Amino acid sequence: MRPDIGNYDWCENHQAKLTPIEKFAMIKMLIQSQLKDTLGNVLFRMPLFSGKKIDLSFDEIRYPETHTVRMAEEYAKECFSEPLLYHCYRTYFWGALLGKSYGFKIDEELLFVSSILHDLGISSKHIHKTGQCCFATTGAREAYQLVTNMGWHPDRAKKVYESISLHLNPVINEQVYGPEARLVGEGATMDVLGAKSHRLSAAAIRAVHAKYARSGFTEDILHSITGVEHALDTRPKLLSSMGFGVLARRNPLDRTEYNSPET
């Protein structure tokens, strides 16, 4: 029996390649997640749900200032362009805010390190490898090595690996892989496509954008997913063929209302 798509065993023992059945499963997950997001968007427009939108206070949503966090930040700054680096920061804040809206208890250090490093596979340092390996697997391996060098226990380092390797999955089971894995995936997807942005208030979104602006990001991520060659039968290859570019260009987070100071 093959392991779950995107987890450690699947990446390391099955070359991170999708079988025809797994491609169908990915498409099914994508449709399921988009339908659920559309329904959620409709519901959160109703008065009954509008009060559940999450406002942001930077005093509440922070990341811990540990040695590993500082090292992860420094490595990210070495590898990423500014638009991609800011995307990784936003991924953390969106994930932390969504976690707050779900009532999750999270390991902030694990969430931050996984978020800031989740796109290492498409950074300038590693993007040349996309034709040989799924970029989420490349990034997961790099991050795993970094935190291992920082002295993390292998079990916890594996959580970083899987939070990154799973982030391309439209659906991630937090009961199996932890809330951090789900929130890295949802935070990244929200930033790229706008999914679940209805759960956050406009003020919360503007506050994140004020610190980590979106300038140049759409072009950067489109080039990384649709403008380079990805290995056959990988998740990036499948997603790039399924209208990724159209969805990214329609991201509601790019609207003026979310990218201008509140008056």
C-alpha atoms as a PDB file:
ATOM      1  CA  MET A   1       0.000   0.000   0.000  1.00  0.00           C
ATOM      2  CA  ARG A   2       1.412   3.380  -1.008  1.00  0.00           C
ATOM      3  CA  PRO A   3       1.747   6.069   1.674  1.00  0.00           C
ATOM      4  CA  ASP A   4      -0.234   9.334   1.629  1.00  0.00           C
ATOM      5  CA  ILE A   5       0.560  11.707  -1.217  1.00  0.00           C
ATOM      6  CA  GLY A   6       3.229  14.184  -0.136  1.00  0.00           C
ATOM      7  CA  ASN A   7       4.299  12.648   3.161  1.00  0.00           C
ATOM      8  CA  TYR A   8       7.876  11.698   4.053  1.00  0.00           C
ATOM      9  CA  ASP A   9       7.671   8.075   2.950  1.00  0.00           C
ATOM     10  CA  TRP A  10       5.933   8.961  -0.313  1.00  0.00           C
ATOM     11  CA  CYS A  11       8.563  11.538  -1.196  1.00  0.00           C
ATOM     12  CA  GLU A  12      11.597   9.509  -0.184  1.00  0.00           C
ATOM     13  CA  ASN A  13      10.526   6.020  -1.259  1.00  0.00           C
ATOM     14  CA  HIS A  14       8.347   6.755  -4.289  1.00  0.00           C
ATOM     15  CA  GLN A  15      10.336   9.595  -5.930  1.00  0.00           C
ATOM     16  CA  ALA A  16       7.494  12.071  -5.202  1.00  0.00           C
ATOM     17  CA  LYS A  17       5.788  10.864  -8.396  1.00  0.00           C
ATOM     18  CA  LEU A  18       2.023  10.566  -8.812  1.00  0.00           C
ATOM     19  CA  THR A  19       0.406   7.406 -10.113  1.00  0.00           C
ATOM     20  CA  PRO A  20      -2.700   7.784 -12.329  1.00  0.00           C
ATOM     21  CA  ILE A  21      -4.873   6.983  -9.297  1.00  0.00           C
ATOM     22  CA  GLU A  22      -3.053   9.607  -7.231  1.00  0.00           C
ATOM     23  CA  LYS A  23      -3.530  12.201  -9.968  1.00  0.00           C
ATOM     24  CA  PHE A  24      -7.253  11.537  -9.793  1.00  0.00           C
ATOM     25  CA  ALA A  25      -7.100  11.854  -5.994  1.00  0.00           C
ATOM     26  CA  MET A  26      -5.323  15.224  -6.315  1.00  0.00           C
ATOM     27  CA  ILE A  27      -7.956  16.485  -8.763  1.00  0.00           C
ATOM     28  CA  LYS A  28     -10.694  15.305  -6.416  1.00  0.00           C
ATOM     29  CA  MET A  29      -9.046  17.129  -3.487  1.00  0.00           C
ATOM     30  CA  LEU A  30      -8.715  20.291  -5.566  1.00  0.00           C
ATOM     31  CA  ILE A  31     -12.388  20.263  -6.541  1.00  0.00           C
ATOM     32  CA  GLN A  32     -13.409  19.489  -2.958  1.00  0.00           C
ATOM     33  CA  SER A  33     -11.346  22.340  -1.536  1.00  0.00           C
ATOM     34  CA  GLN A  34     -12.569  24.869  -4.111  1.00  0.00           C
ATOM     35  CA  LEU A  35     -16.213  23.958  -3.536  1.00  0.00           C
ATOM     36  CA  LYS A  36     -15.738  24.202   0.228  1.00  0.00           C
ATOM     37  CA  ASP A  37     -14.037  27.586  -0.112  1.00  0.00           C
ATOM     38  CA  THR A  38     -16.803  28.898  -2.370  1.00  0.00           C
ATOM     39  CA  LEU A  39     -19.458  27.802   0.126  1.00  0.00           C
ATOM     40  CA  GLY A  40     -17.502  29.340   2.987  1.00  0.00           C
ATOM     41  CA  ASN A  41     -17.195  32.608   1.103  1.00  0.00           C
ATOM     42  CA  VAL A  42     -20.983  32.721   0.663  1.00  0.00           C
ATOM     43  CA  LEU A  43     -21.671  31.874   4.308  1.00  0.00           C
ATOM     44  CA  PHE A  44     -19.221  34.458   5.691  1.00  0.00           C
ATOM     45  CA  ARG A  45     -21.062  37.177   3.791  1.00  0.00           C
ATOM     46  CA  MET A  46     -24.139  36.487   5.903  1.00  0.00           C
ATOM     47  CA  PRO A  47     -24.637  38.465   9.136  1.00  0.00           C
ATOM     48  CA  LEU A  48     -24.592  35.269  11.205  1.00  0.00           C
ATOM     49  CA  PHE A  49     -20.991  34.520  10.160  1.00  0.00           C
ATOM     50  CA  SER A  50     -19.519  37.979   9.557  1.00  0.00           C
ATOM     51  CA  GLY A  51     -18.688  38.406  13.246  1.00  0.00           C
ATOM     52  CA  LYS A  52     -16.368  35.410  13.042  1.00  0.00           C
ATOM     53  CA  LYS A  53     -13.904  37.176  10.770  1.00  0.00           C
ATOM     54  CA  ILE A  54     -10.512  37.433  12.440  1.00  0.00           C
ATOM     55  CA  ASP A  55      -8.904  40.823  13.086  1.00  0.00           C
ATOM     56  CA  LEU A  56      -5.153  41.077  13.377  1.00  0.00           C
ATOM     57  CA  SER A  57      -3.072  42.384  16.223  1.00  0.00           C
ATOM     58  CA  PHE A  58       0.670  42.067  15.740  1.00  0.00           C
ATOM     59  CA  ASP A  59       0.891  41.820  19.535  1.00  0.00           C
ATOM     60  CA  GLU A  60      -1.031  38.547  19.295  1.00  0.00           C
ATOM     61  CA  ILE A  61       0.451  37.034  16.131  1.00  0.00           C
ATOM     62  CA  ARG A  62       4.192  36.848  16.489  1.00  0.00           C
ATOM     63  CA  TYR A  63       6.880  34.283  15.908  1.00  0.00           C
ATOM     64  CA  PRO A  64       9.352  33.234  18.611  1.00  0.00           C
ATOM     65  CA  GLU A  65      12.856  34.655  18.500  1.00  0.00           C
ATOM     66  CA  THR A  66      14.771  31.395  18.774  1.00  0.00           C
ATOM     67  CA  HIS A  67      18.132  30.487  17.276  1.00  0.00           C
ATOM     68  CA  THR A  68      16.489  28.186  14.719  1.00  0.00           C
ATOM     69  CA  VAL A  69      14.016  30.903  13.705  1.00  0.00           C
ATOM     70  CA  ARG A  70      16.857  33.376  13.155  1.00  0.00           C
ATOM     71  CA  MET A  71      18.853  30.856  11.139  1.00  0.00           C
ATOM     72  CA  ALA A  72      15.813  29.945   9.039  1.00  0.00           C
ATOM     73  CA  GLU A  73      15.166  33.642   8.350  1.00  0.00           C
ATOM     74  CA  GLU A  74      18.764  34.225   7.344  1.00  0.00           C
ATOM     75  CA  TYR A  75      18.752  31.245   4.999  1.00  0.00           C
ATOM     76  CA  ALA A  76      15.448  32.375   3.456  1.00  0.00           C
ATOM     77  CA  LYS A  77      16.864  35.854   2.855  1.00  0.00           C
ATOM     78  CA  GLU A  78      19.882  34.311   1.099  1.00  0.00           C
ATOM     79  CA  CYS A  79      17.718  32.166  -1.181  1.00  0.00           C
ATOM     80  CA  PHE A  80      14.577  34.145  -2.014  1.00  0.00           C
ATOM     81  CA  SER A  81      13.758  37.182  -4.080  1.00  0.00           C
ATOM     82  CA  GLU A  82      11.942  39.823  -2.034  1.00  0.00           C
ATOM     83  CA  PRO A  83       8.481  38.951  -3.463  1.00  0.00           C
ATOM     84  CA  LEU A  84       8.953  35.270  -2.633  1.00  0.00           C
ATOM     85  CA  LEU A  85      10.419  36.036   0.804  1.00  0.00           C
ATOM     86  CA  TYR A  86       7.453  38.255   1.657  1.00  0.00           C
ATOM     87  CA  HIS A  87       5.130  35.480   0.431  1.00  0.00           C
ATOM     88  CA  CYS A  88       6.736  33.156   2.983  1.00  0.00           C
ATOM     89  CA  TYR A  89       6.242  35.681   5.779  1.00  0.00           C
ATOM     90  CA  ARG A  90       2.609  36.182   4.750  1.00  0.00           C
ATOM     91  CA  THR A  91       2.142  32.413   4.679  1.00  0.00           C
ATOM     92  CA  TYR A  92       3.047  32.340   8.367  1.00  0.00           C
ATOM     93  CA  PHE A  93       0.663  35.152   9.287  1.00  0.00           C
ATOM     94  CA  TRP A  94      -2.221  33.744   7.257  1.00  0.00           C
ATOM     95  CA  GLY A  95      -1.606  30.317   8.776  1.00  0.00           C
ATOM     96  CA  ALA A  96      -1.440  31.697  12.314  1.00  0.00           C
ATOM     97  CA  LEU A  97      -4.618  33.717  11.799  1.00  0.00           C
ATOM     98  CA  LEU A  98      -6.497  30.788  10.284  1.00  0.00           C
ATOM     99  CA  GLY A  99      -5.293  28.640  13.173  1.00  0.00           C
ATOM    100  CA  LYS A 100      -6.723  31.227  15.542  1.00  0.00           C
ATOM    101  CA  SER A 101     -10.055  31.130  13.719  1.00  0.00           C
ATOM    102  CA  TYR A 102     -10.122  27.317  14.018  1.00  0.00           C
ATOM    103  CA  GLY A 103      -9.131  27.373  17.686  1.00  0.00           C
ATOM    104  CA  PHE A 104      -5.950  25.352  17.029  1.00  0.00           C
ATOM    105  CA  LYS A 105      -3.148  25.205  19.559  1.00  0.00           C
ATOM    106  CA  ILE A 106       0.005  25.511  17.467  1.00  0.00           C
ATOM    107  CA  ASP A 107       3.751  25.236  17.822  1.00  0.00           C
ATOM    108  CA  GLU A 108       4.661  28.733  16.621  1.00  0.00           C
ATOM    109  CA  GLU A 109       8.323  27.915  16.036  1.00  0.00           C
ATOM    110  CA  LEU A 110       7.451  24.879  13.920  1.00  0.00           C
ATOM    111  CA  LEU A 111       4.851  26.862  11.959  1.00  0.00           C
ATOM    112  CA  PHE A 112       7.197  29.762  11.327  1.00  0.00           C
ATOM    113  CA  VAL A 113      10.220  27.709  10.290  1.00  0.00           C
ATOM    114  CA  SER A 114       8.078  25.598   7.953  1.00  0.00           C
ATOM    115  CA  SER A 115       6.384  28.691   6.500  1.00  0.00           C
ATOM    116  CA  ILE A 116       9.509  30.756   5.911  1.00  0.00           C
ATOM    117  CA  LEU A 117      11.246  27.816   4.186  1.00  0.00           C
ATOM    118  CA  HIS A 118       8.295  26.195   2.402  1.00  0.00           C
ATOM    119  CA  ASP A 119       9.222  27.457  -1.081  1.00  0.00           C
ATOM    120  CA  LEU A 120      12.962  26.711  -0.975  1.00  0.00           C
ATOM    121  CA  GLY A 121      12.473  24.404  -3.945  1.00  0.00           C
ATOM    122  CA  ILE A 122      11.591  27.336  -6.219  1.00  0.00           C
ATOM    123  CA  SER A 123      14.115  29.762  -4.747  1.00  0.00           C
ATOM    124  CA  SER A 124      16.942  31.027  -6.931  1.00  0.00           C
ATOM    125  CA  LYS A 125      19.266  28.560  -5.201  1.00  0.00           C
ATOM    126  CA  HIS A 126      17.227  25.467  -6.021  1.00  0.00           C
ATOM    127  CA  ILE A 127      14.826  26.203  -8.898  1.00  0.00           C
ATOM    128  CA  HIS A 128      17.176  24.524 -11.380  1.00  0.00           C
ATOM    129  CA  LYS A 129      16.193  21.201  -9.785  1.00  0.00           C
ATOM    130  CA  THR A 130      12.477  21.402 -10.678  1.00  0.00           C
ATOM    131  CA  GLY A 131      12.964  19.302 -13.794  1.00  0.00           C
ATOM    132  CA  GLN A 132      14.339  16.434 -11.713  1.00  0.00           C
ATOM    133  CA  CYS A 133      12.261  16.535  -8.518  1.00  0.00           C
ATOM    134  CA  CYS A 134       9.057  17.991  -7.076  1.00  0.00           C
ATOM    135  CA  PHE A 135      10.057  21.365  -5.652  1.00  0.00           C
ATOM    136  CA  ALA A 136       8.141  20.739  -2.416  1.00  0.00           C
ATOM    137  CA  THR A 137      10.287  17.663  -1.810  1.00  0.00           C
ATOM    138  CA  THR A 138      13.486  19.568  -2.581  1.00  0.00           C
ATOM    139  CA  GLY A 139      12.501  22.279  -0.115  1.00  0.00           C
ATOM    140  CA  ALA A 140      11.452  19.759   2.520  1.00  0.00           C
ATOM    141  CA  ARG A 141      14.833  18.052   2.354  1.00  0.00           C
ATOM    142  CA  GLU A 142      16.713  21.335   2.645  1.00  0.00           C
ATOM    143  CA  ALA A 143      14.645  22.479   5.620  1.00  0.00           C
ATOM    144  CA  TYR A 144      14.962  19.079   7.308  1.00  0.00           C
ATOM    145  CA  GLN A 145      18.732  19.299   7.035  1.00  0.00           C
ATOM    146  CA  LEU A 146      18.799  22.841   8.405  1.00  0.00           C
ATOM    147  CA  VAL A 147      16.765  22.087  11.542  1.00  0.00           C
ATOM    148  CA  THR A 148      18.643  18.828  12.082  1.00  0.00           C
ATOM    149  CA  ASN A 149      21.869  20.821  12.062  1.00  0.00           C
ATOM    150  CA  MET A 150      20.271  23.097  14.642  1.00  0.00           C
ATOM    151  CA  GLY A 151      19.834  20.109  16.942  1.00  0.00           C
ATOM    152  CA  TRP A 152      16.156  19.319  16.427  1.00  0.00           C
ATOM    153  CA  HIS A 153      15.050  15.787  17.255  1.00  0.00           C
ATOM    154  CA  PRO A 154      14.436  13.717  14.087  1.00  0.00           C
ATOM    155  CA  ASP A 155      10.716  13.409  14.886  1.00  0.00           C
ATOM    156  CA  ARG A 156      10.290  17.179  15.065  1.00  0.00           C
ATOM    157  CA  ALA A 157      12.498  17.716  12.019  1.00  0.00           C
ATOM    158  CA  LYS A 158      10.219  15.317  10.134  1.00  0.00           C
ATOM    159  CA  LYS A 159       7.273  17.575  11.006  1.00  0.00           C
ATOM    160  CA  VAL A 160       9.052  20.441   9.227  1.00  0.00           C
ATOM    161  CA  TYR A 161       9.717  18.153   6.272  1.00  0.00           C
ATOM    162  CA  GLU A 162       6.067  17.114   5.988  1.00  0.00           C
ATOM    163  CA  SER A 163       4.663  20.592   6.605  1.00  0.00           C
ATOM    164  CA  ILE A 164       6.629  21.643   3.529  1.00  0.00           C
ATOM    165  CA  SER A 165       6.277  18.515   1.394  1.00  0.00           C
ATOM    166  CA  LEU A 166       2.502  18.413   1.943  1.00  0.00           C
ATOM    167  CA  HIS A 167       1.827  22.085   1.234  1.00  0.00           C
ATOM    168  CA  LEU A 168       0.910  21.434  -2.413  1.00  0.00           C
ATOM    169  CA  ASN A 169      -1.935  19.139  -1.351  1.00  0.00           C
ATOM    170  CA  PRO A 170      -5.337  20.878  -1.515  1.00  0.00           C
ATOM    171  CA  VAL A 171      -6.434  18.978   1.621  1.00  0.00           C
ATOM    172  CA  ILE A 172      -4.151  18.189   4.597  1.00  0.00           C
ATOM    173  CA  ASN A 173      -5.359  16.176   7.604  1.00  0.00           C
ATOM    174  CA  GLU A 174      -4.219  17.942  10.773  1.00  0.00           C
ATOM    175  CA  GLN A 175      -5.200  14.896  12.845  1.00  0.00           C
ATOM    176  CA  VAL A 176      -2.479  12.912  11.064  1.00  0.00           C
ATOM    177  CA  TYR A 177       0.163  15.545  10.300  1.00  0.00           C
ATOM    178  CA  GLY A 178      -0.513  18.233  12.890  1.00  0.00           C
ATOM    179  CA  PRO A 179      -2.177  21.645  12.660  1.00  0.00           C
ATOM    180  CA  GLU A 180       1.074  23.258  11.521  1.00  0.00           C
ATOM    181  CA  ALA A 181       1.149  21.184   8.318  1.00  0.00           C
ATOM    182  CA  ARG A 182      -2.426  22.127   7.519  1.00  0.00           C
ATOM    183  CA  LEU A 183      -1.793  25.800   8.256  1.00  0.00           C
ATOM    184  CA  VAL A 184       1.346  26.023   6.097  1.00  0.00           C
ATOM    185  CA  GLY A 185      -0.681  24.585   3.224  1.00  0.00           C
ATOM    186  CA  GLU A 186      -3.670  26.833   3.802  1.00  0.00           C
ATOM    187  CA  GLY A 187      -1.532  29.908   4.448  1.00  0.00           C
ATOM    188  CA  ALA A 188       0.397  29.398   1.214  1.00  0.00           C
ATOM    189  CA  THR A 189      -2.755  28.666  -0.788  1.00  0.00           C
ATOM    190  CA  MET A 190      -4.484  31.721   0.632  1.00  0.00           C
ATOM    191  CA  ASP A 191      -1.572  33.916  -0.401  1.00  0.00           C
ATOM    192  CA  VAL A 192      -1.357  32.459  -3.903  1.00  0.00           C
ATOM    193  CA  LEU A 193      -5.045  31.979  -4.726  1.00  0.00           C
ATOM    194  CA  GLY A 194      -6.981  33.842  -2.017  1.00  0.00           C
ATOM    195  CA  ALA A 195      -8.603  30.675  -0.638  1.00  0.00           C
ATOM    196  CA  LYS A 196     -10.145  31.129   2.838  1.00  0.00           C
ATOM    197  CA  SER A 197      -9.446  34.863   2.805  1.00  0.00           C
ATOM    198  CA  HIS A 198     -13.151  35.294   3.625  1.00  0.00           C
ATOM    199  CA  ARG A 199     -12.322  34.159   7.186  1.00  0.00           C
ATOM    200  CA  LEU A 200     -10.202  37.273   7.809  1.00  0.00           C
ATOM    201  CA  SER A 201     -11.328  40.863   8.061  1.00  0.00           C
ATOM    202  CA  ALA A 202     -10.176  43.451   5.524  1.00  0.00           C
ATOM    203  CA  ALA A 203      -8.314  45.214   8.333  1.00  0.00           C
ATOM    204  CA  ALA A 204      -6.399  42.027   9.176  1.00  0.00           C
ATOM    205  CA  ILE A 205      -5.431  41.515   5.543  1.00  0.00           C
ATOM    206  CA  ARG A 206      -4.344  45.135   5.110  1.00  0.00           C
ATOM    207  CA  ALA A 207      -2.227  44.928   8.266  1.00  0.00           C
ATOM    208  CA  VAL A 208      -0.257  41.976   6.904  1.00  0.00           C
ATOM    209  CA  HIS A 209       0.109  43.607   3.487  1.00  0.00           C
ATOM    210  CA  ALA A 210       1.312  46.841   5.073  1.00  0.00           C
ATOM    211  CA  LYS A 211       4.297  44.970   6.504  1.00  0.00           C
ATOM    212  CA  TYR A 212       4.842  42.438   3.712  1.00  0.00           C
ATOM    213  CA  ALA A 213       3.653  44.000   0.456  1.00  0.00           C
ATOM    214  CA  ARG A 214       2.522  41.858  -2.471  1.00  0.00           C
ATOM    215  CA  SER A 215       4.427  43.860  -5.111  1.00  0.00           C
ATOM    216  CA  GLY A 216       5.794  41.583  -7.820  1.00  0.00           C
ATOM    217  CA  PHE A 217       4.567  38.396  -6.194  1.00  0.00           C
ATOM    218  CA  THR A 218       2.016  37.233  -8.762  1.00  0.00           C
ATOM    219  CA  GLU A 219       4.543  37.453 -11.588  1.00  0.00           C
ATOM    220  CA  ASP A 220       7.175  35.683  -9.480  1.00  0.00           C
ATOM    221  CA  ILE A 221       4.982  32.757  -8.473  1.00  0.00           C
ATOM    222  CA  LEU A 222       3.518  32.361 -11.966  1.00  0.00           C
ATOM    223  CA  HIS A 223       7.021  32.087 -13.391  1.00  0.00           C
ATOM    224  CA  SER A 224       7.977  29.546 -10.719  1.00  0.00           C
ATOM    225  CA  ILE A 225       4.990  27.281 -11.405  1.00  0.00           C
ATOM    226  CA  THR A 226       4.153  27.769 -15.083  1.00  0.00           C
ATOM    227  CA  GLY A 227       7.335  29.338 -16.472  1.00  0.00           C
ATOM    228  CA  VAL A 228       9.814  26.574 -15.638  1.00  0.00           C
ATOM    229  CA  GLU A 229       9.945  22.877 -16.454  1.00  0.00           C
ATOM    230  CA  HIS A 230       8.651  20.591 -13.687  1.00  0.00           C
ATOM    231  CA  ALA A 231       9.360  16.885 -13.540  1.00  0.00           C
ATOM    232  CA  LEU A 232       6.744  14.602 -15.093  1.00  0.00           C
ATOM    233  CA  ASP A 233       4.076  13.111 -12.814  1.00  0.00           C
ATOM    234  CA  THR A 234       4.772  15.565  -9.992  1.00  0.00           C
ATOM    235  CA  ARG A 235       2.204  17.706  -8.205  1.00  0.00           C
ATOM    236  CA  PRO A 236       3.579  21.006  -9.615  1.00  0.00           C
ATOM    237  CA  LYS A 237       3.343  19.578 -13.134  1.00  0.00           C
ATOM    238  CA  LEU A 238      -0.275  18.542 -12.529  1.00  0.00           C
ATOM    239  CA  LEU A 239      -1.301  21.820 -10.890  1.00  0.00           C
ATOM    240  CA  SER A 240       0.318  23.928 -13.614  1.00  0.00           C
ATOM    241  CA  SER A 241      -1.854  22.126 -16.168  1.00  0.00           C
ATOM    242  CA  MET A 242      -5.087  22.756 -14.269  1.00  0.00           C
ATOM    243  CA  GLY A 243      -5.572  26.494 -14.618  1.00  0.00           C
ATOM    244  CA  PHE A 244      -3.205  27.587 -11.857  1.00  0.00           C
ATOM    245  CA  GLY A 245      -2.308  30.760 -13.728  1.00  0.00           C
ATOM    246  CA  VAL A 246      -5.932  31.822 -14.146  1.00  0.00           C
ATOM    247  CA  LEU A 247      -6.686  31.286 -10.461  1.00  0.00           C
ATOM    248  CA  ALA A 248      -3.555  33.131  -9.329  1.00  0.00           C
ATOM    249  CA  ARG A 249      -4.371  36.157 -11.502  1.00  0.00           C
ATOM    250  CA  ARG A 250      -7.866  36.295  -9.975  1.00  0.00           C
ATOM    251  CA  ASN A 251      -6.607  36.301  -6.384  1.00  0.00           C
ATOM    252  CA  PRO A 252      -8.942  38.568  -4.369  1.00  0.00           C
ATOM    253  CA  LEU A 253      -6.024  39.549  -2.123  1.00  0.00           C
ATOM    254  CA  ASP A 254      -4.656  41.650  -4.985  1.00  0.00           C
ATOM    255  CA  ARG A 255      -7.666  43.974  -4.877  1.00  0.00           C
ATOM    256  CA  THR A 256      -7.080  47.611  -3.969  1.00  0.00           C
ATOM    257  CA  GLU A 257      -9.285  47.333  -0.891  1.00  0.00           C
ATOM    258  CA  TYR A 258      -6.740  44.961   0.677  1.00  0.00           C
ATOM    259  CA  ASN A 259      -3.630  46.854  -0.354  1.00  0.00           C
ATOM    260  CA  SER A 260      -4.224  50.420   0.741  1.00  0.00           C
ATOM    261  CA  PRO A 261      -4.129  52.008   4.184  1.00  0.00           C
ATOM    262  CA  GLU A 262      -7.382  52.067   6.093  1.00  0.00           C
ATOM    263  CA  THR A 263      -8.973  55.502   6.088  1.00  0.00           C
END
